Amino acid sequence: MRKPIPQLNLSPDERCVLEKWVSCLEFPRQLSRRARAILAFAEGKSPRTISRALRTSKGTVADLRDSFAALELTACATSGAAESHLP
C-alpha cells in the first residue's frame, strides 16, 4: 500500500518567492527546478507526475519536498536572502 503524501501548504509569501525563482531566467537553474517541484506539490501533484515533468527520479523529487519542509523560506524571504538571487 502506498504511503500518503502529506499536504504541502505554502504561505502567500513563500509562493511569491518560489514563483519569482521559477520565472527569472538569470536565477540558478537548479534552484528554479526545486521551486517548480515545490509549487507542483503545493498544487497537489503526485511525485510521479512531478518527476516526469522535471525529468528526474521520484526519489529526487521526494528529497526536494522533504528538504523544503525543513526550510524556513518565509524567514529567508523577509531577511532579503531569497531576493538577493534576483537581478
Protein backbone atom coordinates (compact mmCIF):
# COMPACT_ATOMS: atom_id res chain seq x y z
CA MET A 1 0.00 0.00 0.00
CA ARG A 2 1.24 3.47 -0.89
CA LYS A 3 2.27 5.91 1.77
CA PRO A 4 0.03 9.02 1.63
CA ILE A 5 1.72 12.25 0.66
CA PRO A 6 1.36 14.92 3.34
CA GLN A 7 -0.30 18.13 2.19
CA LEU A 8 2.14 20.93 1.39
CA ASN A 9 0.73 24.33 2.24
CA LEU A 10 2.55 27.45 1.12
CA SER A 11 2.08 30.88 2.59
CA PRO A 12 1.44 33.69 0.09
CA ASP A 13 4.99 34.96 0.72
CA GLU A 14 6.52 31.52 0.06
CA ARG A 15 4.50 31.10 -3.13
CA CYS A 16 5.54 34.57 -4.31
CA VAL A 17 9.24 33.87 -3.76
CA LEU A 18 9.07 30.46 -5.45
CA GLU A 19 7.22 31.90 -8.45
CA LYS A 20 9.91 34.58 -8.82
CA TRP A 21 12.59 31.89 -8.72
CA VAL A 22 10.83 29.95 -11.48
CA SER A 23 10.23 32.94 -13.74
CA CYS A 24 13.65 34.59 -13.50
CA LEU A 25 15.86 33.47 -16.39
CA GLU A 26 19.05 34.56 -14.63
CA PHE A 27 18.29 32.56 -11.49
CA PRO A 28 20.34 29.37 -10.96
CA ARG A 29 18.70 26.55 -12.90
CA GLN A 30 18.93 24.05 -10.06
CA LEU A 31 17.08 26.33 -7.63
CA SER A 32 14.48 27.14 -10.25
CA ARG A 33 13.89 23.42 -10.73
CA ARG A 34 13.48 22.94 -6.98
CA ALA A 35 10.98 25.78 -6.88
CA ARG A 36 8.98 24.15 -9.70
CA ALA A 37 8.81 20.91 -7.74
CA ILE A 38 7.63 22.62 -4.55
CA LEU A 39 4.97 24.59 -6.42
CA ALA A 40 3.77 21.39 -8.08
CA PHE A 41 3.49 19.66 -4.69
CA ALA A 42 1.50 22.62 -3.38
CA GLU A 43 -0.88 22.16 -6.33
CA GLY A 44 -1.43 18.57 -5.21
CA LYS A 45 0.51 16.85 -7.99
CA SER A 46 2.00 13.42 -7.30
CA PRO A 47 5.74 12.75 -7.05
CA ARG A 48 5.48 10.62 -10.19
CA THR A 49 3.88 13.42 -12.20
CA ILE A 50 6.42 15.94 -10.94
CA SER A 51 9.38 13.66 -11.62
CA ARG A 52 8.21 13.13 -15.19
CA ALA A 53 7.73 16.85 -15.76
CA LEU A 54 11.17 17.66 -14.36
CA ARG A 55 12.79 14.59 -15.96
CA THR A 56 14.24 13.34 -12.71
CA SER A 57 13.67 10.44 -10.33
CA LYS A 58 10.83 10.16 -7.83
CA GLY A 59 13.47 9.88 -5.11
CA THR A 60 14.96 13.23 -6.07
CA VAL A 61 11.53 14.84 -6.07
CA ALA A 62 10.77 13.36 -2.63
CA ASP A 63 14.11 14.68 -1.33
CA LEU A 64 13.28 18.16 -2.64
CA ARG A 65 9.94 18.10 -0.88
CA ASP A 66 11.44 16.85 2.38
CA SER A 67 14.19 19.46 2.33
CA PHE A 68 11.64 22.21 1.69
CA ALA A 69 9.59 21.05 4.65
CA ALA A 70 12.62 21.68 6.84
CA LEU A 71 13.43 25.04 5.25
CA GLU A 72 12.01 28.27 6.59
CA LEU A 73 11.55 30.06 3.31
CA THR A 74 9.45 32.81 4.85
CA ALA A 75 12.29 33.86 7.13
CA CYS A 76 14.63 33.77 4.14
CA ALA A 77 12.28 35.98 2.10
CA THR A 78 11.77 38.55 4.85
CA SER A 79 15.51 38.81 5.51
CA GLY A 80 16.09 39.54 1.82
CA ALA A 81 18.31 36.49 1.28
CA ALA A 82 15.93 34.97 -1.26
CA GLU A 83 15.70 38.23 -3.17
CA SER A 84 19.48 38.53 -3.40
CA HIS A 85 19.49 35.97 -6.23
CA LEU A 86 17.13 38.02 -8.35
CA PRO A 87 18.52 40.58 -10.81
